[in-house]
PDB file of N, CA and C in Angstrom:
ATOM      1  N   MET A   1     -68.533 126.618  63.287  1.00  0.00           N
ATOM      2  CA  MET A   1     -68.598 125.178  63.119  1.00  0.00           C
ATOM      3  C   MET A   1     -67.578 124.478  64.022  1.00  0.00           C
ATOM      4  N   PHE A   2     -66.384 125.060  64.138  1.00  0.00           N
ATOM      5  CA  PHE A   2     -65.331 124.455  64.946  1.00  0.00           C
ATOM      6  C   PHE A   2     -65.740 124.381  66.413  1.00  0.00           C
ATOM      7  N   LEU A   3     -66.330 125.449  66.920  1.00  0.00           N
ATOM      8  CA  LEU A   3     -66.765 125.482  68.316  1.00  0.00           C
ATOM      9  C   LEU A   3     -67.859 124.446  68.573  1.00  0.00           C
ATOM     10  N   ILE A   4     -68.729 124.263  67.618  1.00  0.00           N
ATOM     11  CA  ILE A   4     -69.785 123.252  67.747  1.00  0.00           C
ATOM     12  C   ILE A   4     -69.172 121.858  67.815  1.00  0.00           C
ATOM     13  N   GLN A   5     -68.134 121.607  67.027  1.00  0.00           N
ATOM     14  CA  GLN A   5     -67.465 120.312  67.051  1.00  0.00           C
ATOM     15  C   GLN A   5     -66.778 120.072  68.394  1.00  0.00           C
ATOM     16  N   VAL A   6     -66.172 121.106  68.950  1.00  0.00           N
ATOM     17  CA  VAL A   6     -65.515 120.984  70.262  1.00  0.00           C
ATOM     18  C   VAL A   6     -66.544 120.659  71.340  1.00  0.00           C
ATOM     19  N   ILE A   7     -67.653 121.379  71.330  1.00  0.00           N
ATOM     20  CA  ILE A   7     -68.703 121.143  72.330  1.00  0.00           C
ATOM     21  C   ILE A   7     -69.314 119.764  72.138  1.00  0.00           C
ATOM     22  N   LEU A   8     -69.562 119.367  70.898  1.00  0.00           N
ATOM     23  CA  LEU A   8     -70.129 118.052  70.617  1.00  0.00           C
ATOM     24  C   LEU A   8     -69.181 116.936  71.068  1.00  0.00           C
ATOM     25  N   LEU A   9     -67.889 117.123  70.848  1.00  0.00           N
ATOM     26  CA  LEU A   9     -66.906 116.143  71.308  1.00  0.00           C
ATOM     27  C   LEU A   9     -66.947 116.010  72.827  1.00  0.00           C
ATOM     28  N   ALA A  10     -66.995 117.129  73.526  1.00  0.00           N
ATOM     29  CA  ALA A  10     -67.032 117.094  74.992  1.00  0.00           C
ATOM     30  C   ALA A  10     -68.308 116.418  75.491  1.00  0.00           C
ATOM     31  N   VAL A  11     -69.435 116.707  74.872  1.00  0.00           N
ATOM     32  CA  VAL A  11     -70.707 116.124  75.313  1.00  0.00           C
ATOM     33  C   VAL A  11     -70.735 114.623  75.046  1.00  0.00           C
ATOM     34  N   VAL A  12     -70.316 114.208  73.860  1.00  0.00           N
ATOM     35  CA  VAL A  12     -70.317 112.782  73.527  1.00  0.00           C
ATOM     36  C   VAL A  12     -69.355 112.021  74.440  1.00  0.00           C
ATOM     37  N   CYS A  13     -68.184 112.595  74.691  1.00  0.00           N
ATOM     38  CA  CYS A  13     -67.226 111.944  75.602  1.00  0.00           C
ATOM     39  C   CYS A  13     -67.796 111.843  77.010  1.00  0.00           C
ATOM     40  N   ALA A  14     -68.471 112.876  77.473  1.00  0.00           N
ATOM     41  CA  ALA A  14     -69.057 112.851  78.813  1.00  0.00           C
ATOM     42  C   ALA A  14     -70.131 111.771  78.925  1.00  0.00           C
ATOM     43  N   VAL A  15     -70.968 111.654  77.908  1.00  0.00           N
ATOM     44  CA  VAL A  15     -72.033 110.649  77.933  1.00  0.00           C
ATOM     45  C   VAL A  15     -71.437 109.243  77.952  1.00  0.00           C
ATOM     46  N   PHE A  16     -70.464 108.992  77.094  1.00  0.00           N
ATOM     47  CA  PHE A  16     -69.885 107.658  77.036  1.00  0.00           C
ATOM     48  C   PHE A  16     -69.034 107.340  78.272  1.00  0.00           C
ATOM     49  N   GLN A  17     -68.454 108.351  78.898  1.00  0.00           N
ATOM     50  CA  GLN A  17     -67.722 108.102  80.143  1.00  0.00           C
ATOM     51  C   GLN A  17     -68.671 107.721  81.272  1.00  0.00           C
ATOM     52  N   MET A  18     -69.891 108.237  81.247  1.00  0.00           N
ATOM     53  CA  MET A  18     -70.868 107.838  82.253  1.00  0.00           C
ATOM     54  C   MET A  18     -71.379 106.423  81.986  1.00  0.00           C
ATOM     55  N   LEU A  19     -71.512 106.069  80.714  1.00  0.00           N
ATOM     56  CA  LEU A  19     -72.007 104.739  80.373  1.00  0.00           C
ATOM     57  C   LEU A  19     -70.947 103.660  80.583  1.00  0.00           C
ATOM     58  N   LEU A  20     -69.694 103.991  80.362  1.00  0.00           N
ATOM     59  CA  LEU A  20     -68.581 103.043  80.505  1.00  0.00           C
ATOM     60  C   LEU A  20     -67.541 103.622  81.462  1.00  0.00           C
ATOM     61  N   PRO A  21     -67.835 103.697  82.762  1.00  0.00           N
ATOM     62  CA  PRO A  21     -66.970 104.440  83.689  1.00  0.00           C
ATOM     63  C   PRO A  21     -65.583 103.841  83.899  1.00  0.00           C
ATOM     64  N   GLY A  22     -65.406 102.543  83.757  1.00  0.00           N
ATOM     65  CA  GLY A  22     -64.099 101.951  84.025  1.00  0.00           C
ATOM     66  C   GLY A  22     -63.105 102.131  82.899  1.00  0.00           C
ATOM     67  N   ASN A  23     -63.574 102.557  81.745  1.00  0.00           N
ATOM     68  CA  ASN A  23     -62.714 102.657  80.563  1.00  0.00           C
ATOM     69  C   ASN A  23     -62.644 104.080  80.035  1.00  0.00           C
ATOM     70  N   ALA A  24     -62.554 105.061  80.907  1.00  0.00           N
ATOM     71  CA  ALA A  24     -62.642 106.460  80.506  1.00  0.00           C
ATOM     72  C   ALA A  24     -61.571 106.861  79.507  1.00  0.00           C
ATOM     73  N   VAL A  25     -60.352 106.426  79.705  1.00  0.00           N
ATOM     74  CA  VAL A  25     -59.264 106.823  78.822  1.00  0.00           C
ATOM     75  C   VAL A  25     -59.468 106.246  77.429  1.00  0.00           C
ATOM     76  N   TYR A  26     -59.848 104.982  77.362  1.00  0.00           N
ATOM     77  CA  TYR A  26     -60.036 104.343  76.063  1.00  0.00           C
ATOM     78  C   TYR A  26     -61.234 104.918  75.331  1.00  0.00           C
ATOM     79  N   VAL A  27     -62.288 105.206  76.068  1.00  0.00           N
ATOM     80  CA  VAL A  27     -63.491 105.765  75.467  1.00  0.00           C
ATOM     81  C   VAL A  27     -63.194 107.130  74.861  1.00  0.00           C
ATOM     82  N   VAL A  28     -62.509 107.975  75.613  1.00  0.00           N
ATOM     83  CA  VAL A  28     -62.186 109.316  75.127  1.00  0.00           C
ATOM     84  C   VAL A  28     -61.291 109.240  73.886  1.00  0.00           C
ATOM     85  N   ALA A  29     -60.295 108.380  73.922  1.00  0.00           N
ATOM     86  CA  ALA A  29     -59.398 108.256  72.780  1.00  0.00           C
ATOM     87  C   ALA A  29     -60.139 107.749  71.549  1.00  0.00           C
ATOM     88  N   ALA A  30     -61.005 106.779  71.727  1.00  0.00           N
ATOM     89  CA  ALA A  30     -61.743 106.235  70.584  1.00  0.00           C
ATOM     90  C   ALA A  30     -62.700 107.267  69.999  1.00  0.00           C
ATOM     91  N   ILE A  31     -63.394 107.992  70.850  1.00  0.00           N
ATOM     92  CA  ILE A  31     -64.349 108.989  70.363  1.00  0.00           C
ATOM     93  C   ILE A  31     -63.626 110.130  69.666  1.00  0.00           C
ATOM     94  N   ALA A  32     -62.520 110.595  70.225  1.00  0.00           N
ATOM     95  CA  ALA A  32     -61.758 111.672  69.584  1.00  0.00           C
ATOM     96  C   ALA A  32     -61.188 111.203  68.245  1.00  0.00           C
ATOM     97  N   LEU A  33     -60.762 109.959  68.161  1.00  0.00           N
ATOM     98  CA  LEU A  33     -60.271 109.418  66.900  1.00  0.00           C
ATOM     99  C   LEU A  33     -61.385 109.396  65.859  1.00  0.00           C
ATOM    100  N   VAL A  34     -62.574 108.969  66.260  1.00  0.00           N
ATOM    101  CA  VAL A  34     -63.715 108.938  65.336  1.00  0.00           C
ATOM    102  C   VAL A  34     -64.085 110.351  64.901  1.00  0.00           C
ATOM    103  N   PHE A  35     -64.044 111.307  65.806  1.00  0.00           N
ATOM    104  CA  PHE A  35     -64.334 112.692  65.434  1.00  0.00           C
ATOM    105  C   PHE A  35     -63.302 113.209  64.432  1.00  0.00           C
ATOM    106  N   GLY A  36     -62.045 112.847  64.617  1.00  0.00           N
ATOM    107  CA  GLY A  36     -61.018 113.237  63.651  1.00  0.00           C
ATOM    108  C   GLY A  36     -61.259 112.617  62.284  1.00  0.00           C
ATOM    109  N   LEU A  37     -61.747 111.384  62.272  1.00  0.00           N
ATOM    110  CA  LEU A  37     -62.071 110.718  61.009  1.00  0.00           C
ATOM    111  C   LEU A  37     -63.282 111.341  60.331  1.00  0.00           C
ATOM    112  N   ILE A  38     -64.315 111.602  61.095  1.00  0.00           N
ATOM    113  CA  ILE A  38     -65.580 112.058  60.522  1.00  0.00           C
ATOM    114  C   ILE A  38     -65.499 113.484  59.985  1.00  0.00           C
ATOM    115  N   PHE A  39     -64.937 114.384  60.757  1.00  0.00           N
ATOM    116  CA  PHE A  39     -65.017 115.797  60.391  1.00  0.00           C
ATOM    117  C   PHE A  39     -63.993 116.219  59.349  1.00  0.00           C
ATOM    118  N   GLY A  40     -62.996 115.434  59.085  1.00  0.00           N
ATOM    119  CA  GLY A  40     -62.069 115.685  57.983  1.00  0.00           C
ATOM    120  C   GLY A  40     -61.429 117.058  57.978  1.00  0.00           C
ATOM    121  N   GLN A  41     -60.948 117.481  59.106  1.00  0.00           N
ATOM    122  CA  GLN A  41     -60.289 118.777  59.196  1.00  0.00           C
ATOM    123  C   GLN A  41     -58.806 118.642  58.884  1.00  0.00           C
ATOM    124  N   LYS A  42     -58.145 119.785  58.823  1.00  0.00           N
ATOM    125  CA  LYS A  42     -56.689 119.749  58.735  1.00  0.00           C
ATOM    126  C   LYS A  42     -56.167 119.154  60.048  1.00  0.00           C
ATOM    127  N   PRO A  43     -55.012 118.504  59.997  1.00  0.00           N
ATOM    128  CA  PRO A  43     -54.500 117.847  61.207  1.00  0.00           C
ATOM    129  C   PRO A  43     -54.363 118.782  62.410  1.00  0.00           C
ATOM    130  N   PHE A  44     -53.900 120.001  62.201  1.00  0.00           N
ATOM    131  CA  PHE A  44     -53.743 120.923  63.324  1.00  0.00           C
ATOM    132  C   PHE A  44     -55.092 121.249  63.956  1.00  0.00           C
ATOM    133  N   HIS A  45     -56.107 121.493  63.134  1.00  0.00           N
ATOM    134  CA  HIS A  45     -57.431 121.813  63.664  1.00  0.00           C
ATOM    135  C   HIS A  45     -58.031 120.618  64.402  1.00  0.00           C
ATOM    136  N   ALA A  46     -57.776 119.413  63.905  1.00  0.00           N
ATOM    137  CA  ALA A  46     -58.261 118.214  64.595  1.00  0.00           C
ATOM    138  C   ALA A  46     -57.593 118.085  65.962  1.00  0.00           C
ATOM    139  N   PHE A  47     -56.287 118.353  66.025  1.00  0.00           N
ATOM    140  CA  PHE A  47     -55.583 118.285  67.302  1.00  0.00           C
ATOM    141  C   PHE A  47     -56.149 119.302  68.290  1.00  0.00           C
ATOM    142  N   VAL A  48     -56.367 120.518  67.842  1.00  0.00           N
ATOM    143  CA  VAL A  48     -56.901 121.557  68.731  1.00  0.00           C
ATOM    144  C   VAL A  48     -58.319 121.217  69.169  1.00  0.00           C
ATOM    145  N   MET A  49     -59.113 120.631  68.263  1.00  0.00           N
ATOM    146  CA  MET A  49     -60.466 120.214  68.624  1.00  0.00           C
ATOM    147  C   MET A  49     -60.425 119.192  69.762  1.00  0.00           C
ATOM    148  N   GLY A  50     -59.584 118.181  69.626  1.00  0.00           N
ATOM    149  CA  GLY A  50     -59.462 117.171  70.674  1.00  0.00           C
ATOM    150  C   GLY A  50     -58.886 117.742  71.956  1.00  0.00           C
ATOM    151  N   LEU A  51     -57.896 118.616  71.833  1.00  0.00           N
ATOM    152  CA  LEU A  51     -57.270 119.238  73.002  1.00  0.00           C
ATOM    153  C   LEU A  51     -58.284 120.043  73.798  1.00  0.00           C
ATOM    154  N   LEU A  52     -59.041 120.879  73.126  1.00  0.00           N
ATOM    155  CA  LEU A  52     -60.003 121.729  73.826  1.00  0.00           C
ATOM    156  C   LEU A  52     -61.200 120.936  74.350  1.00  0.00           C
ATOM    157  N   GLY A  53     -61.737 120.054  73.521  1.00  0.00           N
ATOM    158  CA  GLY A  53     -62.924 119.306  73.927  1.00  0.00           C
ATOM    159  C   GLY A  53     -62.684 118.429  75.137  1.00  0.00           C
ATOM    160  N   VAL A  54     -61.682 117.589  75.067  1.00  0.00           N
ATOM    161  CA  VAL A  54     -61.394 116.669  76.166  1.00  0.00           C
ATOM    162  C   VAL A  54     -60.738 117.401  77.329  1.00  0.00           C
ATOM    163  N   GLY A  55     -59.889 118.375  77.039  1.00  0.00           N
ATOM    164  CA  GLY A  55     -59.231 119.134  78.103  1.00  0.00           C
ATOM    165  C   GLY A  55     -60.216 119.879  78.981  1.00  0.00           C
ATOM    166  N   PHE A  56     -61.181 120.552  78.358  1.00  0.00           N
ATOM    167  CA  PHE A  56     -62.197 121.250  79.146  1.00  0.00           C
ATOM    168  C   PHE A  56     -63.099 120.269  79.885  1.00  0.00           C
ATOM    169  N   LEU A  57     -63.388 119.144  79.257  1.00  0.00           N
ATOM    170  CA  LEU A  57     -64.222 118.147  79.920  1.00  0.00           C
ATOM    171  C   LEU A  57     -63.540 117.616  81.175  1.00  0.00           C
ATOM    172  N   TRP A  58     -62.326 117.134  81.057  1.00  0.00           N
ATOM    173  CA  TRP A  58     -61.628 116.547  82.200  1.00  0.00           C
ATOM    174  C   TRP A  58     -61.266 117.600  83.245  1.00  0.00           C
ATOM    175  N   GLY A  59     -60.789 118.764  82.812  1.00  0.00           N
ATOM    176  CA  GLY A  59     -60.457 119.824  83.757  1.00  0.00           C
ATOM    177  C   GLY A  59     -61.687 120.340  84.485  1.00  0.00           C
ATOM    178  N   GLY A  60     -62.775 120.525  83.746  1.00  0.00           N
ATOM    179  CA  GLY A  60     -64.021 120.981  84.357  1.00  0.00           C
ATOM    180  C   GLY A  60     -64.596 119.967  85.329  1.00  0.00           C
ATOM    181  N   TYR A  61     -64.511 118.699  84.957  1.00  0.00           N
ATOM    182  CA  TYR A  61     -65.009 117.657  85.852  1.00  0.00           C
ATOM    183  C   TYR A  61     -64.150 117.575  87.114  1.00  0.00           C
ATOM    184  N   ALA A  62     -62.842 117.722  86.968  1.00  0.00           N
ATOM    185  CA  ALA A  62     -61.967 117.711  88.138  1.00  0.00           C
ATOM    186  C   ALA A  62     -62.268 118.902  89.057  1.00  0.00           C
ATOM    187  N   LEU A  63     -62.516 120.069  88.473  1.00  0.00           N
ATOM    188  CA  LEU A  63     -62.883 121.232  89.288  1.00  0.00           C
ATOM    189  C   LEU A  63     -64.227 121.028  89.976  1.00  0.00           C
ATOM    190  N   TRP A  64     -65.181 120.450  89.255  1.00  0.00           N
ATOM    191  CA  TRP A  64     -66.497 120.204  89.833  1.00  0.00           C
ATOM    192  C   TRP A  64     -66.400 119.223  91.001  1.00  0.00           C
ATOM    193  N   LEU A  65     -65.637 118.143  90.817  1.00  0.00           N
ATOM    194  CA  LEU A  65     -65.456 117.189  91.912  1.00  0.00           C
ATOM    195  C   LEU A  65     -64.768 117.840  93.106  1.00  0.00           C
ATOM    196  N   ASP A  66     -63.818 118.714  92.827  1.00  0.00           N
ATOM    197  CA  ASP A  66     -63.110 119.408  93.901  1.00  0.00           C
ATOM    198  C   ASP A  66     -64.068 120.305  94.686  1.00  0.00           C
ATOM    199  N   GLN A  67     -64.953 120.981  93.981  1.00  0.00           N
ATOM    200  CA  GLN A  67     -65.924 121.844  94.660  1.00  0.00           C
ATOM    201  C   GLN A  67     -66.953 121.030  95.444  1.00  0.00           C
ATOM    202  N   MET A  68     -67.346 119.889  94.910  1.00  0.00           N
ATOM    203  CA  MET A  68     -68.352 119.062  95.585  1.00  0.00           C
ATOM    204  C   MET A  68     -67.808 118.437  96.869  1.00  0.00           C
ATOM    205  N   THR A  69     -66.490 118.222  96.950  1.00  0.00           N
ATOM    206  CA  THR A  69     -65.899 117.609  98.146  1.00  0.00           C
ATOM    207  C   THR A  69     -65.204 118.634  99.032  1.00  0.00           C
ATOM    208  N   ASP A  70     -65.444 119.905  98.780  1.00  0.00           N
ATOM    209  CA  ASP A  70     -64.834 120.996  99.551  1.00  0.00           C
ATOM    210  C   ASP A  70     -63.309 120.903  99.580  1.00  0.00           C
ATOM    211  N   SER A  71     -62.729 120.472  98.485  1.00  0.00           N
ATOM    212  CA  SER A  71     -61.273 120.386  98.279  1.00  0.00           C
ATOM    213  C   SER A  71     -60.576 119.405  99.209  1.00  0.00           C
ATOM    214  N   ILE A  72     -61.310 118.519  99.826  1.00  0.00           N
ATOM    215  CA  ILE A  72     -60.679 117.555 100.732  1.00  0.00           C
ATOM    216  C   ILE A  72     -59.840 116.559  99.947  1.00  0.00           C
ATOM    217  N   LEU A  73     -60.459 115.899  98.977  1.00  0.00           N
ATOM    218  CA  LEU A  73     -59.747 114.895  98.196  1.00  0.00           C
ATOM    219  C   LEU A  73     -58.704 115.537  97.286  1.00  0.00           C
ATOM    220  N   GLY A  74     -59.083 116.619  96.632  1.00  0.00           N
ATOM    221  CA  GLY A  74     -58.156 117.273  95.703  1.00  0.00           C
ATOM    222  C   GLY A  74     -56.882 117.762  96.370  1.00  0.00           C
ATOM    223  N   SER A  75     -57.008 118.313  97.556  1.00  0.00           N
ATOM    224  CA  SER A  75     -55.809 118.810  98.239  1.00  0.00           C
ATOM    225  C   SER A  75     -54.907 117.663  98.690  1.00  0.00           C
ATOM    226  N   LYS A  76     -55.504 116.539  99.076  1.00  0.00           N
ATOM    227  CA  LYS A  76     -54.689 115.392  99.490  1.00  0.00           C
ATOM    228  C   LYS A  76     -53.977 114.746  98.303  1.00  0.00           C
ATOM    229  N   VAL A  77     -54.658 114.660  97.181  1.00  0.00           N
ATOM    230  CA  VAL A  77     -54.028 114.099  95.984  1.00  0.00           C
ATOM    231  C   VAL A  77     -52.965 115.061  95.456  1.00  0.00           C
ATOM    232  N   ALA A  78     -53.207 116.361  95.549  1.00  0.00           N
ATOM    233  CA  ALA A  78     -52.220 117.344  95.112  1.00  0.00           C
ATOM    234  C   ALA A  78     -50.933 117.221  95.928  1.00  0.00           C
ATOM    235  N   VAL A  79     -51.054 116.946  97.205  1.00  0.00           N
ATOM    236  CA  VAL A  79     -49.875 116.746  98.050  1.00  0.00           C
ATOM    237  C   VAL A  79     -49.092 115.518  97.591  1.00  0.00           C
ATOM    238  N   LEU A  80     -49.799 114.456  97.207  1.00  0.00           N
ATOM    239  CA  LEU A  80     -49.126 113.244  96.727  1.00  0.00           C
ATOM    240  C   LEU A  80     -48.278 113.512  95.480  1.00  0.00           C
ATOM    241  N   PHE A  81     -48.769 114.410  94.613  1.00  0.00           N
ATOM    242  CA  PHE A  81     -48.048 114.727  93.389  1.00  0.00           C
ATOM    243  C   PHE A  81     -47.170 115.974  93.530  1.00  0.00           C
ATOM    244  N   SER A  82     -46.995 116.454  94.718  1.00  0.00           N
ATOM    245  CA  SER A  82     -46.170 117.640  95.020  1.00  0.00           C
ATOM    246  C   SER A  82     -46.659 118.876  94.268  1.00  0.00           C
ATOM    247  N   LEU A  83     -47.962 119.027  94.166  1.00  0.00           N
ATOM    248  CA  LEU A  83     -48.566 120.205  93.547  1.00  0.00           C
ATOM    249  C   LEU A  83     -49.028 121.148  94.646  1.00  0.00           C
ATOM    250  N   PRO A  84     -49.037 122.444  94.376  1.00  0.00           N
ATOM    251  CA  PRO A  84     -49.361 123.397  95.439  1.00  0.00           C
ATOM    252  C   PRO A  84     -50.805 123.348  95.940  1.00  0.00           C
ATOM    253  N   ASN A  85     -51.768 123.060  95.054  1.00  0.00           N
ATOM    254  CA  ASN A  85     -53.164 123.042  95.485  1.00  0.00           C
ATOM    255  C   ASN A  85     -54.006 122.199  94.529  1.00  0.00           C
ATOM    256  N   ALA A  86     -55.282 122.088  94.848  1.00  0.00           N
ATOM    257  CA  ALA A  86     -56.189 121.257  94.058  1.00  0.00           C
ATOM    258  C   ALA A  86     -56.479 121.878  92.696  1.00  0.00           C
ATOM    259  N   LEU A  87     -56.417 123.201  92.592  1.00  0.00           N
ATOM    260  CA  LEU A  87     -56.646 123.851  91.299  1.00  0.00           C
ATOM    261  C   LEU A  87     -55.562 123.451  90.298  1.00  0.00           C
ATOM    262  N   THR A  88     -54.333 123.394  90.754  1.00  0.00           N
ATOM    263  CA  THR A  88     -53.236 122.964  89.886  1.00  0.00           C
ATOM    264  C   THR A  88     -53.428 121.519  89.460  1.00  0.00           C
ATOM    265  N   LEU A  89     -53.935 120.699  90.340  1.00  0.00           N
ATOM    266  CA  LEU A  89     -54.229 119.310  90.006  1.00  0.00           C
ATOM    267  C   LEU A  89     -55.306 119.229  88.932  1.00  0.00           C
ATOM    268  N   ALA A  90     -56.337 120.046  89.036  1.00  0.00           N
ATOM    269  CA  ALA A  90     -57.401 120.062  88.031  1.00  0.00           C
ATOM    270  C   ALA A  90     -56.865 120.539  86.685  1.00  0.00           C
ATOM    271  N   LEU A  91     -55.995 121.532  86.699  1.00  0.00           N
ATOM    272  CA  LEU A  91     -55.397 122.009  85.447  1.00  0.00           C
ATOM    273  C   LEU A  91     -54.503 120.939  84.822  1.00  0.00           C
ATOM    274  N   ALA A  92     -53.765 120.226  85.643  1.00  0.00           N
ATOM    275  CA  ALA A  92     -52.922 119.143  85.125  1.00  0.00           C
ATOM    276  C   ALA A  92     -53.780 118.019  84.556  1.00  0.00           C
ATOM    277  N   THR A  93     -54.885 117.724  85.210  1.00  0.00           N
ATOM    278  CA  THR A  93     -55.805 116.703  84.707  1.00  0.00           C
ATOM    279  C   THR A  93     -56.367 117.106  83.355  1.00  0.00           C
ATOM    280  N   GLY A  94     -56.769 118.360  83.233  1.00  0.00           N
ATOM    281  CA  GLY A  94     -57.276 118.859  81.956  1.00  0.00           C
ATOM    282  C   GLY A  94     -56.224 118.824  80.869  1.00  0.00           C
ATOM    283  N   LEU A  95     -54.986 119.144  81.219  1.00  0.00           N
ATOM    284  CA  LEU A  95     -53.905 119.120  80.231  1.00  0.00           C
ATOM    285  C   LEU A  95     -53.620 117.697  79.755  1.00  0.00           C
ATOM    286  N   ILE A  96     -53.598 116.759  80.679  1.00  0.00           N
ATOM    287  CA  ILE A  96     -53.346 115.365  80.302  1.00  0.00           C
ATOM    288  C   ILE A  96     -54.475 114.833  79.422  1.00  0.00           C
ATOM    289  N   GLY A  97     -55.714 115.101  79.817  1.00  0.00           N
ATOM    290  CA  GLY A  97     -56.841 114.684  78.995  1.00  0.00           C
ATOM    291  C   GLY A  97     -56.854 115.368  77.645  1.00  0.00           C
ATOM    292  N   GLY A  98     -56.498 116.649  77.624  1.00  0.00           N
ATOM    293  CA  GLY A  98     -56.457 117.384  76.369  1.00  0.00           C
ATOM    294  C   GLY A  98     -55.413 116.841  75.410  1.00  0.00           C
ATOM    295  N   ILE A  99     -54.260 116.505  75.934  1.00  0.00           N
ATOM    296  CA  ILE A  99     -53.213 115.926  75.079  1.00  0.00           C
ATOM    297  C   ILE A  99     -53.665 114.572  74.540  1.00  0.00           C
ATOM    298  N   LEU A 100     -54.306 113.783  75.387  1.00  0.00           N
ATOM    299  CA  LEU A 100     -54.832 112.489  74.943  1.00  0.00           C
ATOM    300  C   LEU A 100     -55.848 112.683  73.818  1.00  0.00           C
ATOM    301  N   GLY A 101     -56.818 113.555  74.031  1.00  0.00           N
ATOM    302  CA  GLY A 101     -57.841 113.807  73.014  1.00  0.00           C
ATOM    303  C   GLY A 101     -57.271 114.436  71.763  1.00  0.00           C
ATOM    304  N   GLY A 102     -56.293 115.318  71.932  1.00  0.00           N
ATOM    305  CA  GLY A 102     -55.686 115.969  70.782  1.00  0.00           C
ATOM    306  C   GLY A 102     -54.953 114.995  69.879  1.00  0.00           C
ATOM    307  N   PHE A 103     -54.151 114.129  70.484  1.00  0.00           N
ATOM    308  CA  PHE A 103     -53.420 113.163  69.661  1.00  0.00           C
ATOM    309  C   PHE A 103     -54.343 112.121  69.041  1.00  0.00           C
ATOM    310  N   ALA A 104     -55.422 111.766  69.742  1.00  0.00           N
ATOM    311  CA  ALA A 104     -56.369 110.815  69.161  1.00  0.00           C
ATOM    312  C   ALA A 104     -57.088 111.440  67.965  1.00  0.00           C
ATOM    313  N   ALA A 105     -57.534 112.684  68.096  1.00  0.00           N
ATOM    314  CA  ALA A 105     -58.195 113.359  66.977  1.00  0.00           C
ATOM    315  C   ALA A 105     -57.216 113.587  65.830  1.00  0.00           C
ATOM    316  N   LEU A 106     -55.980 113.910  66.150  1.00  0.00           N
ATOM    317  CA  LEU A 106     -54.950 114.068  65.120  1.00  0.00           C
ATOM    318  C   LEU A 106     -54.740 112.756  64.372  1.00  0.00           C
ATOM    319  N   SER A 107     -54.714 111.661  65.100  1.00  0.00           N
ATOM    320  CA  SER A 107     -54.563 110.353  64.465  1.00  0.00           C
ATOM    321  C   SER A 107     -55.724 110.076  63.520  1.00  0.00           C
ATOM    322  N   GLY A 108     -56.938 110.399  63.949  1.00  0.00           N
ATOM    323  CA  GLY A 108     -58.096 110.211  63.086  1.00  0.00           C
ATOM    324  C   GLY A 108     -58.017 111.043  61.826  1.00  0.00           C
ATOM    325  N   ALA A 109     -57.594 112.301  61.965  1.00  0.00           N
ATOM    326  CA  ALA A 109     -57.471 113.172  60.784  1.00  0.00           C
ATOM    327  C   ALA A 109     -56.392 112.663  59.833  1.00  0.00           C
ATOM    328  N   LEU A 110     -55.291 112.162  60.383  1.00  0.00           N
ATOM    329  CA  LEU A 110     -54.224 111.651  59.533  1.00  0.00           C
ATOM    330  C   LEU A 110     -54.618 110.331  58.864  1.00  0.00           C
ATOM    331  N   ILE A 111     -55.399 109.507  59.546  1.00  0.00           N
ATOM    332  CA  ILE A 111     -55.879 108.269  58.924  1.00  0.00           C
ATOM    333  C   ILE A 111     -56.821 108.609  57.770  1.00  0.00           C
ATOM    334  N   ARG A 112     -57.689 109.597  57.991  1.00  0.00           N
ATOM    335  CA  ARG A 112     -58.594 110.023  56.907  1.00  0.00           C
ATOM    336  C   ARG A 112     -57.792 110.552  55.720  1.00  0.00           C
ATOM    337  N   LYS A 113     -56.758 111.312  56.006  1.00  0.00           N
ATOM    338  CA  LYS A 113     -55.914 111.865  54.945  1.00  0.00           C
ATOM    339  C   LYS A 113     -55.187 110.743  54.213  1.00  0.00           C
ATOM    340  N   LEU A 114     -54.772 109.715  54.931  1.00  0.00           N
ATOM    341  CA  LEU A 114     -54.083 108.577  54.335  1.00  0.00           C
ATOM    342  C   LEU A 114     -55.010 107.767  53.436  1.00  0.00           C
ATOM    343  N   ILE A 115     -56.249 107.601  53.873  1.00  0.00           N
ATOM    344  CA  ILE A 115     -57.214 106.817  53.104  1.00  0.00           C
ATOM    345  C   ILE A 115     -57.668 107.557  51.847  1.00  0.00           C
ATOM    346  N   ALA A 116     -57.855 108.854  51.964  1.00  0.00           N
ATOM    347  CA  ALA A 116     -58.397 109.643  50.840  1.00  0.00           C
ATOM    348  C   ALA A 116     -57.433 109.767  49.674  1.00  0.00           C
TER     349      ALA A 116
END
């Protein structure tokens, strides 16, 4: 059940990011918060759900974009952030997105716990 929730979170976030492209961060945070509210898990499990779902989505998308552009853009942006290569940039992107999704889902789980 947990794996299904992680995959569902990633798919729903991906769909809404395509529909609302300028507000990707807010969309992901709102959806992860709603998932934390709806599924009523323990706070730690909600955090891990958001971390994995959004982290894999953002990291995977960054890797896909890097492959589609033959690492031209990724390597130039990695140089700007003093990272060794585009793969490290994609991993950092996934980590940042995962932390965002994790804390949003954790917030949703804690709000549900507060209300109940």
